[in-house]
Amino acid sequence: MVWIQRQYPRFEVSLPVELRPLGANAPLRTRTRDLCLGGLYVEMTFTQEVTTTLDIILWVGDVKISVTGEVVSKHPSFGNGIKFTQVSGEARFQLRAFLQTLQSNHRLHGPEARV
């Protein structure tokens, strides 16, 4: 097994998140376990299949951050790893600003790097 360094530092943080698989009528509501500029991990009992495309809404306080992502890992009865695939400039700005506050609080996981 080859270890690949992450592109972005990951932060352990629990935020409300809504996931809406394409074609679904209602969002799946859950919480993040960790978050980075490139994606997130969500805790959920009923996991989504790898390659599922999702519309994602993250709530940081009263700020709504909307992105699109793809499920890249599935751990049944535990959660999903999701990679962001489409992030607007405004969403990236808001997400980066939030992550920088976490970085200043030293809640970094993995190799230390700039956000």
PDB file of N, CA and C in Angstrom:
ATOM      1  N   MET A   1       0.847  -1.188   0.000  1.00  0.00           N
ATOM      2  CA  MET A   1       0.000   0.000   0.000  1.00  0.00           C
ATOM      3  C   MET A   1       0.886   1.241   0.000  1.00  0.00           C
ATOM      4  N   VAL A   2       0.587   2.161  -0.887  1.00  0.00           N
ATOM      5  CA  VAL A   2       1.361   3.385  -1.013  1.00  0.00           C
ATOM      6  C   VAL A   2       0.638   4.509  -0.283  1.00  0.00           C
ATOM      7  N   TRP A   3       1.378   5.249   0.541  1.00  0.00           N
ATOM      8  CA  TRP A   3       0.796   6.374   1.268  1.00  0.00           C
ATOM      9  C   TRP A   3       0.891   7.613   0.390  1.00  0.00           C
ATOM     10  N   ILE A   4      -0.231   8.294   0.221  1.00  0.00           N
ATOM     11  CA  ILE A   4      -0.272   9.524  -0.571  1.00  0.00           C
ATOM     12  C   ILE A   4      -0.626  10.675   0.360  1.00  0.00           C
ATOM     13  N   GLN A   5       0.233  11.688   0.387  1.00  0.00           N
ATOM     14  CA  GLN A   5      -0.018  12.843   1.242  1.00  0.00           C
ATOM     15  C   GLN A   5      -1.245  13.603   0.751  1.00  0.00           C
ATOM     16  N   ARG A   6      -2.043  14.050   1.690  1.00  0.00           N
ATOM     17  CA  ARG A   6      -3.247  14.810   1.352  1.00  0.00           C
ATOM     18  C   ARG A   6      -2.874  16.162   0.757  1.00  0.00           C
ATOM     19  N   GLN A   7      -3.721  16.626  -0.126  1.00  0.00           N
ATOM     20  CA  GLN A   7      -3.494  17.915  -0.763  1.00  0.00           C
ATOM     21  C   GLN A   7      -3.768  19.063   0.209  1.00  0.00           C
ATOM     22  N   TYR A   8      -4.740  18.879   1.103  1.00  0.00           N
ATOM     23  CA  TYR A   8      -5.132  19.929   2.043  1.00  0.00           C
ATOM     24  C   TYR A   8      -5.140  19.372   3.460  1.00  0.00           C
ATOM     25  N   PRO A   9      -4.833  20.207   4.457  1.00  0.00           N
ATOM     26  CA  PRO A   9      -4.920  19.729   5.838  1.00  0.00           C
ATOM     27  C   PRO A   9      -6.374  19.476   6.227  1.00  0.00           C
ATOM     28  N   ARG A  10      -6.572  18.467   7.039  1.00  0.00           N
ATOM     29  CA  ARG A  10      -7.908  18.051   7.478  1.00  0.00           C
ATOM     30  C   ARG A  10      -8.123  18.505   8.909  1.00  0.00           C
ATOM     31  N   PHE A  11      -9.344  18.944   9.206  1.00  0.00           N
ATOM     32  CA  PHE A  11      -9.676  19.421  10.542  1.00  0.00           C
ATOM     33  C   PHE A  11     -10.840  18.624  11.101  1.00  0.00           C
ATOM     34  N   GLU A  12     -10.716  18.196  12.335  1.00  0.00           N
ATOM     35  CA  GLU A  12     -11.820  17.514  12.993  1.00  0.00           C
ATOM     36  C   GLU A  12     -12.824  18.577  13.417  1.00  0.00           C
ATOM     37  N   VAL A  13     -14.031  18.496  12.853  1.00  0.00           N
ATOM     38  CA  VAL A  13     -15.059  19.488  13.151  1.00  0.00           C
ATOM     39  C   VAL A  13     -16.429  18.886  12.848  1.00  0.00           C
ATOM     40  N   SER A  14     -17.372  19.157  13.721  1.00  0.00           N
ATOM     41  CA  SER A  14     -18.734  18.664  13.554  1.00  0.00           C
ATOM     42  C   SER A  14     -19.632  19.827  13.145  1.00  0.00           C
ATOM     43  N   LEU A  15     -20.060  19.786  11.880  1.00  0.00           N
ATOM     44  CA  LEU A  15     -20.946  20.819  11.345  1.00  0.00           C
ATOM     45  C   LEU A  15     -22.175  20.153  10.743  1.00  0.00           C
ATOM     46  N   PRO A  16     -23.325  20.816  10.809  1.00  0.00           N
ATOM     47  CA  PRO A  16     -24.493  20.270  10.122  1.00  0.00           C
ATOM     48  C   PRO A  16     -24.264  20.307   8.609  1.00  0.00           C
ATOM     49  N   VAL A  17     -24.694  19.242   7.950  1.00  0.00           N
ATOM     50  CA  VAL A  17     -24.522  19.157   6.507  1.00  0.00           C
ATOM     51  C   VAL A  17     -25.750  18.474   5.910  1.00  0.00           C
ATOM     52  N   GLU A  18     -26.135  18.936   4.738  1.00  0.00           N
ATOM     53  CA  GLU A  18     -27.227  18.315   3.987  1.00  0.00           C
ATOM     54  C   GLU A  18     -26.638  17.749   2.703  1.00  0.00           C
ATOM     55  N   LEU A  19     -26.928  16.491   2.428  1.00  0.00           N
ATOM     56  CA  LEU A  19     -26.466  15.817   1.220  1.00  0.00           C
ATOM     57  C   LEU A  19     -27.678  15.472   0.381  1.00  0.00           C
ATOM     58  N   ARG A  20     -27.642  15.806  -0.878  1.00  0.00           N
ATOM     59  CA  ARG A  20     -28.764  15.473  -1.754  1.00  0.00           C
ATOM     60  C   ARG A  20     -28.209  14.751  -2.986  1.00  0.00           C
ATOM     61  N   PRO A  21     -28.370  13.408  -3.002  1.00  0.00           N
ATOM     62  CA  PRO A  21     -27.972  12.678  -4.210  1.00  0.00           C
ATOM     63  C   PRO A  21     -28.808  13.168  -5.388  1.00  0.00           C
ATOM     64  N   LEU A  22     -28.209  13.182  -6.574  1.00  0.00           N
ATOM     65  CA  LEU A  22     -28.941  13.632  -7.754  1.00  0.00           C
ATOM     66  C   LEU A  22     -30.220  12.819  -7.909  1.00  0.00           C
ATOM     67  N   GLY A  23     -31.339  13.522  -8.115  1.00  0.00           N
ATOM     68  CA  GLY A  23     -32.630  12.867  -8.290  1.00  0.00           C
ATOM     69  C   GLY A  23     -33.388  12.608  -6.998  1.00  0.00           C
ATOM     70  N   ALA A  24     -32.773  12.843  -5.846  1.00  0.00           N
ATOM     71  CA  ALA A  24     -33.461  12.611  -4.568  1.00  0.00           C
ATOM     72  C   ALA A  24     -34.416  13.764  -4.275  1.00  0.00           C
ATOM     73  N   ASN A  25     -35.551  13.446  -3.657  1.00  0.00           N
ATOM     74  CA  ASN A  25     -36.536  14.468  -3.310  1.00  0.00           C
ATOM     75  C   ASN A  25     -36.198  15.218  -2.032  1.00  0.00           C
ATOM     76  N   ALA A  26     -35.554  14.541  -1.099  1.00  0.00           N
ATOM     77  CA  ALA A  26     -35.257  15.151   0.191  1.00  0.00           C
ATOM     78  C   ALA A  26     -33.769  14.967   0.518  1.00  0.00           C
ATOM     79  N   PRO A  27     -33.178  15.945   1.226  1.00  0.00           N
ATOM     80  CA  PRO A  27     -31.769  15.811   1.585  1.00  0.00           C
ATOM     81  C   PRO A  27     -31.578  14.831   2.740  1.00  0.00           C
ATOM     82  N   LEU A  28     -30.374  14.278   2.812  1.00  0.00           N
ATOM     83  CA  LEU A  28     -29.959  13.488   3.962  1.00  0.00           C
ATOM     84  C   LEU A  28     -29.273  14.463   4.909  1.00  0.00           C
ATOM     85  N   ARG A  29     -29.723  14.522   6.129  1.00  0.00           N
ATOM     86  CA  ARG A  29     -29.135  15.459   7.097  1.00  0.00           C
ATOM     87  C   ARG A  29     -28.242  14.690   8.060  1.00  0.00           C
ATOM     88  N   THR A  30     -27.010  15.187   8.206  1.00  0.00           N
ATOM     89  CA  THR A  30     -26.043  14.538   9.079  1.00  0.00           C
ATOM     90  C   THR A  30     -25.036  15.585   9.563  1.00  0.00           C
ATOM     91  N   ARG A  31     -23.888  15.112  10.055  1.00  0.00           N
ATOM     92  CA  ARG A  31     -22.843  16.007  10.538  1.00  0.00           C
ATOM     93  C   ARG A  31     -21.504  15.578   9.956  1.00  0.00           C
ATOM     94  N   THR A  32     -20.621  16.553   9.808  1.00  0.00           N
ATOM     95  CA  THR A  32     -19.268  16.242   9.362  1.00  0.00           C
ATOM     96  C   THR A  32     -18.479  15.650  10.530  1.00  0.00           C
ATOM     97  N   ARG A  33     -17.513  14.810  10.207  1.00  0.00           N
ATOM     98  CA  ARG A  33     -16.541  14.358  11.210  1.00  0.00           C
ATOM     99  C   ARG A  33     -15.252  15.135  11.017  1.00  0.00           C
ATOM    100  N   ASP A  34     -14.907  15.348   9.742  1.00  0.00           N
ATOM    101  CA  ASP A  34     -13.766  16.207   9.448  1.00  0.00           C
ATOM    102  C   ASP A  34     -13.992  16.907   8.117  1.00  0.00           C
ATOM    103  N   LEU A  35     -13.177  17.930   7.894  1.00  0.00           N
ATOM    104  CA  LEU A  35     -13.394  18.828   6.769  1.00  0.00           C
ATOM    105  C   LEU A  35     -12.056  19.377   6.301  1.00  0.00           C
ATOM    106  N   CYS A  36     -11.926  19.541   4.987  1.00  0.00           N
ATOM    107  CA  CYS A  36     -10.774  20.230   4.426  1.00  0.00           C
ATOM    108  C   CYS A  36     -11.246  21.002   3.198  1.00  0.00           C
ATOM    109  N   LEU A  37     -10.343  21.708   2.565  1.00  0.00           N
ATOM    110  CA  LEU A  37     -10.716  22.500   1.393  1.00  0.00           C
ATOM    111  C   LEU A  37     -11.093  21.610   0.208  1.00  0.00           C
ATOM    112  N   GLY A  38     -10.679  20.343   0.248  1.00  0.00           N
ATOM    113  CA  GLY A  38     -10.962  19.445  -0.857  1.00  0.00           C
ATOM    114  C   GLY A  38     -12.103  18.478  -0.649  1.00  0.00           C
ATOM    115  N   GLY A  39     -12.653  18.418   0.592  1.00  0.00           N
ATOM    116  CA  GLY A  39     -13.746  17.482   0.835  1.00  0.00           C
ATOM    117  C   GLY A  39     -14.066  17.341   2.304  1.00  0.00           C
ATOM    118  N   LEU A  40     -14.839  16.293   2.629  1.00  0.00           N
ATOM    119  CA  LEU A  40     -15.262  16.086   4.004  1.00  0.00           C
ATOM    120  C   LEU A  40     -15.561  14.616   4.257  1.00  0.00           C
ATOM    121  N   TYR A  41     -15.682  14.274   5.522  1.00  0.00           N
ATOM    122  CA  TYR A  41     -16.144  12.944   5.906  1.00  0.00           C
ATOM    123  C   TYR A  41     -17.392  13.157   6.734  1.00  0.00           C
ATOM    124  N   VAL A  42     -18.451  12.416   6.409  1.00  0.00           N
ATOM    125  CA  VAL A  42     -19.707  12.528   7.146  1.00  0.00           C
ATOM    126  C   VAL A  42     -19.998  11.220   7.853  1.00  0.00           C
ATOM    127  N   GLU A  43     -20.551  11.336   9.029  1.00  0.00           N
ATOM    128  CA  GLU A  43     -20.975  10.168   9.784  1.00  0.00           C
ATOM    129  C   GLU A  43     -22.428   9.891   9.444  1.00  0.00           C
ATOM    130  N   MET A  44     -22.715   8.644   9.022  1.00  0.00           N
ATOM    131  CA  MET A  44     -24.081   8.265   8.702  1.00  0.00           C
ATOM    132  C   MET A  44     -24.207   6.747   8.696  1.00  0.00           C
ATOM    133  N   THR A  45     -25.323   6.271   9.173  1.00  0.00           N
ATOM    134  CA  THR A  45     -25.567   4.840   9.239  1.00  0.00           C
ATOM    135  C   THR A  45     -25.832   4.260   7.863  1.00  0.00           C
ATOM    136  N   PHE A  46     -26.662   4.929   7.078  1.00  0.00           N
ATOM    137  CA  PHE A  46     -27.014   4.456   5.742  1.00  0.00           C
ATOM    138  C   PHE A  46     -26.147   5.204   4.738  1.00  0.00           C
ATOM    139  N   THR A  47     -25.035   4.589   4.376  1.00  0.00           N
ATOM    140  CA  THR A  47     -24.039   5.245   3.541  1.00  0.00           C
ATOM    141  C   THR A  47     -24.436   5.242   2.064  1.00  0.00           C
ATOM    142  N   GLN A  48     -23.819   6.147   1.332  1.00  0.00           N
ATOM    143  CA  GLN A  48     -24.030   6.270  -0.107  1.00  0.00           C
ATOM    144  C   GLN A  48     -22.962   5.454  -0.837  1.00  0.00           C
ATOM    145  N   GLU A  49     -23.274   5.055  -2.050  1.00  0.00           N
ATOM    146  CA  GLU A  49     -22.340   4.266  -2.853  1.00  0.00           C
ATOM    147  C   GLU A  49     -21.218   5.155  -3.399  1.00  0.00           C
ATOM    148  N   VAL A  50     -20.021   4.584  -3.522  1.00  0.00           N
ATOM    149  CA  VAL A  50     -18.889   5.282  -4.124  1.00  0.00           C
ATOM    150  C   VAL A  50     -19.279   5.694  -5.543  1.00  0.00           C
ATOM    151  N   THR A  51     -18.880   6.865  -5.950  1.00  0.00           N
ATOM    152  CA  THR A  51     -19.139   7.560  -7.227  1.00  0.00           C
ATOM    153  C   THR A  51     -20.481   8.293  -7.249  1.00  0.00           C
ATOM    154  N   THR A  52     -21.281   8.214  -6.171  1.00  0.00           N
ATOM    155  CA  THR A  52     -22.527   8.967  -6.124  1.00  0.00           C
ATOM    156  C   THR A  52     -22.219  10.462  -6.119  1.00  0.00           C
ATOM    157  N   THR A  53     -22.887  11.202  -6.991  1.00  0.00           N
ATOM    158  CA  THR A  53     -22.752  12.658  -7.045  1.00  0.00           C
ATOM    159  C   THR A  53     -23.758  13.277  -6.085  1.00  0.00           C
ATOM    160  N   LEU A  54     -23.311  14.286  -5.322  1.00  0.00           N
ATOM    161  CA  LEU A  54     -24.140  14.903  -4.295  1.00  0.00           C
ATOM    162  C   LEU A  54     -24.106  16.422  -4.385  1.00  0.00           C
ATOM    163  N   ASP A  55     -25.254  17.055  -4.187  1.00  0.00           N
ATOM    164  CA  ASP A  55     -25.285  18.480  -3.884  1.00  0.00           C
ATOM    165  C   ASP A  55     -25.145  18.561  -2.367  1.00  0.00           C
ATOM    166  N   ILE A  56     -24.266  19.437  -1.895  1.00  0.00           N
ATOM    167  CA  ILE A  56     -23.919  19.507  -0.479  1.00  0.00           C
ATOM    168  C   ILE A  56     -24.146  20.921   0.034  1.00  0.00           C
ATOM    169  N   ILE A  57     -24.787  21.009   1.188  1.00  0.00           N
ATOM    170  CA  ILE A  57     -24.905  22.295   1.883  1.00  0.00           C
ATOM    171  C   ILE A  57     -24.287  22.124   3.258  1.00  0.00           C
ATOM    172  N   LEU A  58     -23.256  22.920   3.510  1.00  0.00           N
ATOM    173  CA  LEU A  58     -22.604  22.972   4.823  1.00  0.00           C
ATOM    174  C   LEU A  58     -23.108  24.203   5.548  1.00  0.00           C
ATOM    175  N   TRP A  59     -23.361  24.069   6.827  1.00  0.00           N
ATOM    176  CA  TRP A  59     -23.777  25.216   7.628  1.00  0.00           C
ATOM    177  C   TRP A  59     -22.660  25.554   8.601  1.00  0.00           C
ATOM    178  N   VAL A  60     -22.081  26.738   8.442  1.00  0.00           N
ATOM    179  CA  VAL A  60     -21.064  27.246   9.359  1.00  0.00           C
ATOM    180  C   VAL A  60     -21.715  28.416  10.082  1.00  0.00           C
ATOM    181  N   GLY A  61     -22.250  28.140  11.274  1.00  0.00           N
ATOM    182  CA  GLY A  61     -23.071  29.142  11.949  1.00  0.00           C
ATOM    183  C   GLY A  61     -24.291  29.392  11.090  1.00  0.00           C
ATOM    184  N   ASP A  62     -24.527  30.649  10.710  1.00  0.00           N
ATOM    185  CA  ASP A  62     -25.670  30.946   9.849  1.00  0.00           C
ATOM    186  C   ASP A  62     -25.254  31.126   8.381  1.00  0.00           C
ATOM    187  N   VAL A  63     -23.997  30.756   8.070  1.00  0.00           N
ATOM    188  CA  VAL A  63     -23.496  30.846   6.698  1.00  0.00           C
ATOM    189  C   VAL A  63     -23.728  29.518   5.994  1.00  0.00           C
ATOM    190  N   LYS A  64     -24.370  29.604   4.834  1.00  0.00           N
ATOM    191  CA  LYS A  64     -24.670  28.426   4.019  1.00  0.00           C
ATOM    192  C   LYS A  64     -23.638  28.332   2.899  1.00  0.00           C
ATOM    193  N   ILE A  65     -22.917  27.194   2.855  1.00  0.00           N
ATOM    194  CA  ILE A  65     -21.906  26.968   1.829  1.00  0.00           C
ATOM    195  C   ILE A  65     -22.385  25.813   0.960  1.00  0.00           C
ATOM    196  N   SER A  66     -22.607  26.095  -0.333  1.00  0.00           N
ATOM    197  CA  SER A  66     -23.112  25.082  -1.268  1.00  0.00           C
ATOM    198  C   SER A  66     -22.008  24.648  -2.214  1.00  0.00           C
ATOM    199  N   VAL A  67     -21.819  23.329  -2.326  1.00  0.00           N
ATOM    200  CA  VAL A  67     -20.824  22.745  -3.220  1.00  0.00           C
ATOM    201  C   VAL A  67     -21.404  21.465  -3.833  1.00  0.00           C
ATOM    202  N   THR A  68     -20.684  20.909  -4.768  1.00  0.00           N
ATOM    203  CA  THR A  68     -21.030  19.603  -5.336  1.00  0.00           C
ATOM    204  C   THR A  68     -19.881  18.664  -5.018  1.00  0.00           C
ATOM    205  N   GLY A  69     -20.206  17.394  -4.762  1.00  0.00           N
ATOM    206  CA  GLY A  69     -19.162  16.433  -4.433  1.00  0.00           C
ATOM    207  C   GLY A  69     -19.468  15.049  -4.957  1.00  0.00           C
ATOM    208  N   GLU A  70     -18.498  14.163  -4.765  1.00  0.00           N
ATOM    209  CA  GLU A  70     -18.622  12.772  -5.181  1.00  0.00           C
ATOM    210  C   GLU A  70     -18.139  11.876  -4.047  1.00  0.00           C
ATOM    211  N   VAL A  71     -18.900  10.839  -3.752  1.00  0.00           N
ATOM    212  CA  VAL A  71     -18.517   9.889  -2.711  1.00  0.00           C
ATOM    213  C   VAL A  71     -17.280   9.123  -3.196  1.00  0.00           C
ATOM    214  N   VAL A  72     -16.220   9.142  -2.365  1.00  0.00           N
ATOM    215  CA  VAL A  72     -14.978   8.451  -2.725  1.00  0.00           C
ATOM    216  C   VAL A  72     -14.653   7.296  -1.784  1.00  0.00           C
ATOM    217  N   SER A  73     -15.316   7.231  -0.630  1.00  0.00           N
ATOM    218  CA  SER A  73     -15.127   6.087   0.257  1.00  0.00           C
ATOM    219  C   SER A  73     -16.425   5.788   0.993  1.00  0.00           C
ATOM    220  N   LYS A  74     -16.614   4.498   1.271  1.00  0.00           N
ATOM    221  CA  LYS A  74     -17.837   4.042   1.935  1.00  0.00           C
ATOM    222  C   LYS A  74     -17.450   3.085   3.055  1.00  0.00           C
ATOM    223  N   HIS A  75     -17.909   3.409   4.257  1.00  0.00           N
ATOM    224  CA  HIS A  75     -17.696   2.559   5.426  1.00  0.00           C
ATOM    225  C   HIS A  75     -19.076   2.269   6.005  1.00  0.00           C
ATOM    226  N   PRO A  76     -19.697   1.138   5.601  1.00  0.00           N
ATOM    227  CA  PRO A  76     -21.075   0.823   6.006  1.00  0.00           C
ATOM    228  C   PRO A  76     -21.302   0.973   7.504  1.00  0.00           C
ATOM    229  N   SER A  77     -22.425   1.599   7.837  1.00  0.00           N
ATOM    230  CA  SER A  77     -22.847   1.874   9.212  1.00  0.00           C
ATOM    231  C   SER A  77     -21.952   2.875   9.920  1.00  0.00           C
ATOM    232  N   PHE A  78     -21.050   3.510   9.181  1.00  0.00           N
ATOM    233  CA  PHE A  78     -20.167   4.493   9.816  1.00  0.00           C
ATOM    234  C   PHE A  78     -20.162   5.821   9.078  1.00  0.00           C
ATOM    235  N   GLY A  79     -19.876   5.821   7.766  1.00  0.00           N
ATOM    236  CA  GLY A  79     -19.861   7.094   7.062  1.00  0.00           C
ATOM    237  C   GLY A  79     -19.300   7.032   5.659  1.00  0.00           C
ATOM    238  N   ASN A  80     -19.209   8.225   5.041  1.00  0.00           N
ATOM    239  CA  ASN A  80     -18.708   8.381   3.675  1.00  0.00           C
ATOM    240  C   ASN A  80     -17.652   9.477   3.611  1.00  0.00           C
ATOM    241  N   GLY A  81     -16.638   9.235   2.790  1.00  0.00           N
ATOM    242  CA  GLY A  81     -15.690  10.275   2.420  1.00  0.00           C
ATOM    243  C   GLY A  81     -16.171  10.891   1.119  1.00  0.00           C
ATOM    244  N   ILE A  82     -16.166  12.217   1.067  1.00  0.00           N
ATOM    245  CA  ILE A  82     -16.693  12.921  -0.100  1.00  0.00           C
ATOM    246  C   ILE A  82     -15.670  13.940  -0.586  1.00  0.00           C
ATOM    247  N   LYS A  83     -15.379  13.897  -1.885  1.00  0.00           N
ATOM    248  CA  LYS A  83     -14.466  14.848  -2.508  1.00  0.00           C
ATOM    249  C   LYS A  83     -15.296  15.947  -3.162  1.00  0.00           C
ATOM    250  N   PHE A  84     -14.920  17.209  -2.942  1.00  0.00           N
ATOM    251  CA  PHE A  84     -15.598  18.307  -3.610  1.00  0.00           C
ATOM    252  C   PHE A  84     -15.204  18.296  -5.092  1.00  0.00           C
ATOM    253  N   THR A  85     -16.200  18.422  -5.971  1.00  0.00           N
ATOM    254  CA  THR A  85     -15.935  18.438  -7.404  1.00  0.00           C
ATOM    255  C   THR A  85     -16.241  19.791  -8.037  1.00  0.00           C
ATOM    256  N   GLN A  86     -17.165  20.551  -7.439  1.00  0.00           N
ATOM    257  CA  GLN A  86     -17.483  21.893  -7.931  1.00  0.00           C
ATOM    258  C   GLN A  86     -17.665  22.814  -6.726  1.00  0.00           C
ATOM    259  N   VAL A  87     -16.826  23.843  -6.678  1.00  0.00           N
ATOM    260  CA  VAL A  87     -16.876  24.814  -5.591  1.00  0.00           C
ATOM    261  C   VAL A  87     -16.766  26.200  -6.211  1.00  0.00           C
ATOM    262  N   SER A  88     -17.764  27.030  -5.996  1.00  0.00           N
ATOM    263  CA  SER A  88     -17.722  28.391  -6.544  1.00  0.00           C
ATOM    264  C   SER A  88     -16.635  29.194  -5.826  1.00  0.00           C
ATOM    265  N   GLY A  89     -16.265  30.300  -6.421  1.00  0.00           N
ATOM    266  CA  GLY A  89     -15.275  31.180  -5.793  1.00  0.00           C
ATOM    267  C   GLY A  89     -15.719  31.664  -4.422  1.00  0.00           C
ATOM    268  N   GLU A  90     -16.988  32.023  -4.294  1.00  0.00           N
ATOM    269  CA  GLU A  90     -17.524  32.500  -3.011  1.00  0.00           C
ATOM    270  C   GLU A  90     -17.519  31.387  -1.967  1.00  0.00           C
ATOM    271  N   ALA A  91     -17.928  30.182  -2.369  1.00  0.00           N
ATOM    272  CA  ALA A  91     -17.939  29.043  -1.433  1.00  0.00           C
ATOM    273  C   ALA A  91     -16.516  28.721  -0.984  1.00  0.00           C
ATOM    274  N   ARG A  92     -15.557  28.746  -1.906  1.00  0.00           N
ATOM    275  CA  ARG A  92     -14.150  28.477  -1.554  1.00  0.00           C
ATOM    276  C   ARG A  92     -13.638  29.531  -0.571  1.00  0.00           C
ATOM    277  N   PHE A  93     -13.995  30.788  -0.806  1.00  0.00           N
ATOM    278  CA  PHE A  93     -13.591  31.870   0.091  1.00  0.00           C
ATOM    279  C   PHE A  93     -14.142  31.641   1.493  1.00  0.00           C
ATOM    280  N   GLN A  94     -15.443  31.332   1.591  1.00  0.00           N
ATOM    281  CA  GLN A  94     -16.076  31.110   2.894  1.00  0.00           C
ATOM    282  C   GLN A  94     -15.479  29.889   3.599  1.00  0.00           C
ATOM    283  N   LEU A  95     -15.265  28.829   2.857  1.00  0.00           N
ATOM    284  CA  LEU A  95     -14.710  27.613   3.429  1.00  0.00           C
ATOM    285  C   LEU A  95     -13.273  27.846   3.898  1.00  0.00           C
ATOM    286  N   ARG A  96     -12.479  28.508   3.083  1.00  0.00           N
ATOM    287  CA  ARG A  96     -11.089  28.801   3.457  1.00  0.00           C
ATOM    288  C   ARG A  96     -11.031  29.667   4.717  1.00  0.00           C
ATOM    289  N   ALA A  97     -11.894  30.678   4.801  1.00  0.00           N
ATOM    290  CA  ALA A  97     -11.911  31.546   5.977  1.00  0.00           C
ATOM    291  C   ALA A  97     -12.248  30.754   7.236  1.00  0.00           C
ATOM    292  N   PHE A  98     -13.225  29.863   7.148  1.00  0.00           N
ATOM    293  CA  PHE A  98     -13.591  29.040   8.299  1.00  0.00           C
ATOM    294  C   PHE A  98     -12.444  28.113   8.690  1.00  0.00           C
ATOM    295  N   LEU A  99     -11.826  27.464   7.704  1.00  0.00           N
ATOM    296  CA  LEU A  99     -10.724  26.547   7.998  1.00  0.00           C
ATOM    297  C   LEU A  99      -9.529  27.272   8.598  1.00  0.00           C
ATOM    298  N   GLN A 100      -9.299  28.502   8.191  1.00  0.00           N
ATOM    299  CA  GLN A 100      -8.202  29.272   8.776  1.00  0.00           C
ATOM    300  C   GLN A 100      -8.440  29.555  10.255  1.00  0.00           C
ATOM    301  N   THR A 101      -9.709  29.737  10.649  1.00  0.00           N
ATOM    302  CA  THR A 101      -9.983  29.915  12.086  1.00  0.00           C
ATOM    303  C   THR A 101      -9.692  28.623  12.842  1.00  0.00           C
ATOM    304  N   LEU A 102      -9.979  27.474  12.228  1.00  0.00           N
ATOM    305  CA  LEU A 102      -9.664  26.198  12.867  1.00  0.00           C
ATOM    306  C   LEU A 102      -8.160  25.993  12.958  1.00  0.00           C
ATOM    307  N   GLN A 103      -7.448  26.373  11.900  1.00  0.00           N
ATOM    308  CA  GLN A 103      -5.996  26.204  11.891  1.00  0.00           C
ATOM    309  C   GLN A 103      -5.366  27.049  12.989  1.00  0.00           C
ATOM    310  N   SER A 104      -5.882  28.234  13.202  1.00  0.00           N
ATOM    311  CA  SER A 104      -5.326  29.094  14.250  1.00  0.00           C
ATOM    312  C   SER A 104      -5.606  28.534  15.643  1.00  0.00           C
ATOM    313  N   ASN A 105      -6.608  27.657  15.754  1.00  0.00           N
ATOM    314  CA  ASN A 105      -6.911  26.999  17.031  1.00  0.00           C
ATOM    315  C   ASN A 105      -6.170  25.668  17.177  1.00  0.00           C
ATOM    316  N   HIS A 106      -5.305  25.337  16.211  1.00  0.00           N
ATOM    317  CA  HIS A 106      -4.462  24.129  16.268  1.00  0.00           C
ATOM    318  C   HIS A 106      -5.269  22.845  16.345  1.00  0.00           C
ATOM    319  N   ARG A 107      -6.325  22.736  15.556  1.00  0.00           N
ATOM    320  CA  ARG A 107      -7.110  21.508  15.517  1.00  0.00           C
ATOM    321  C   ARG A 107      -6.805  20.738  14.241  1.00  0.00           C
ATOM    322  N   LEU A 108      -5.546  20.795  13.836  1.00  0.00           N
ATOM    323  CA  LEU A 108      -5.110  20.207  12.586  1.00  0.00           C
ATOM    324  C   LEU A 108      -4.868  18.711  12.735  1.00  0.00           C
ATOM    325  N   HIS A 109      -5.255  17.937  11.718  1.00  0.00           N
ATOM    326  CA  HIS A 109      -4.993  16.503  11.663  1.00  0.00           C
ATOM    327  C   HIS A 109      -4.165  16.221  10.417  1.00  0.00           C
ATOM    328  N   GLY A 110      -3.119  15.473  10.554  1.00  0.00           N
ATOM    329  CA  GLY A 110      -2.279  15.150   9.422  1.00  0.00           C
ATOM    330  C   GLY A 110      -1.160  16.162   9.290  1.00  0.00           C
ATOM    331  N   PRO A 111      -0.403  16.075   8.195  1.00  0.00           N
ATOM    332  CA  PRO A 111       0.734  16.981   8.007  1.00  0.00           C
ATOM    333  C   PRO A 111       0.293  18.430   8.009  1.00  0.00           C
ATOM    334  N   GLU A 112       1.049  19.250   8.709  1.00  0.00           N
ATOM    335  CA  GLU A 112       0.699  20.665   8.773  1.00  0.00           C
ATOM    336  C   GLU A 112       1.005  21.336   7.448  1.00  0.00           C
ATOM    337  N   ALA A 113       0.059  22.101   6.983  1.00  0.00           N
ATOM    338  CA  ALA A 113       0.207  22.801   5.707  1.00  0.00           C
ATOM    339  C   ALA A 113      -0.661  24.037   5.714  1.00  0.00           C
ATOM    340  N   ARG A 114      -0.444  24.889   4.745  1.00  0.00           N
ATOM    341  CA  ARG A 114      -1.275  26.084   4.614  1.00  0.00           C
ATOM    342  C   ARG A 114      -2.624  25.705   4.039  1.00  0.00           C
ATOM    343  N   VAL A 115      -3.660  26.405   4.476  1.00  0.00           N
ATOM    344  CA  VAL A 115      -5.001  26.180   3.941  1.00  0.00           C
ATOM    345  C   VAL A 115      -5.170  27.015   2.706  1.00  0.00           C
TER     346      VAL A 115
END
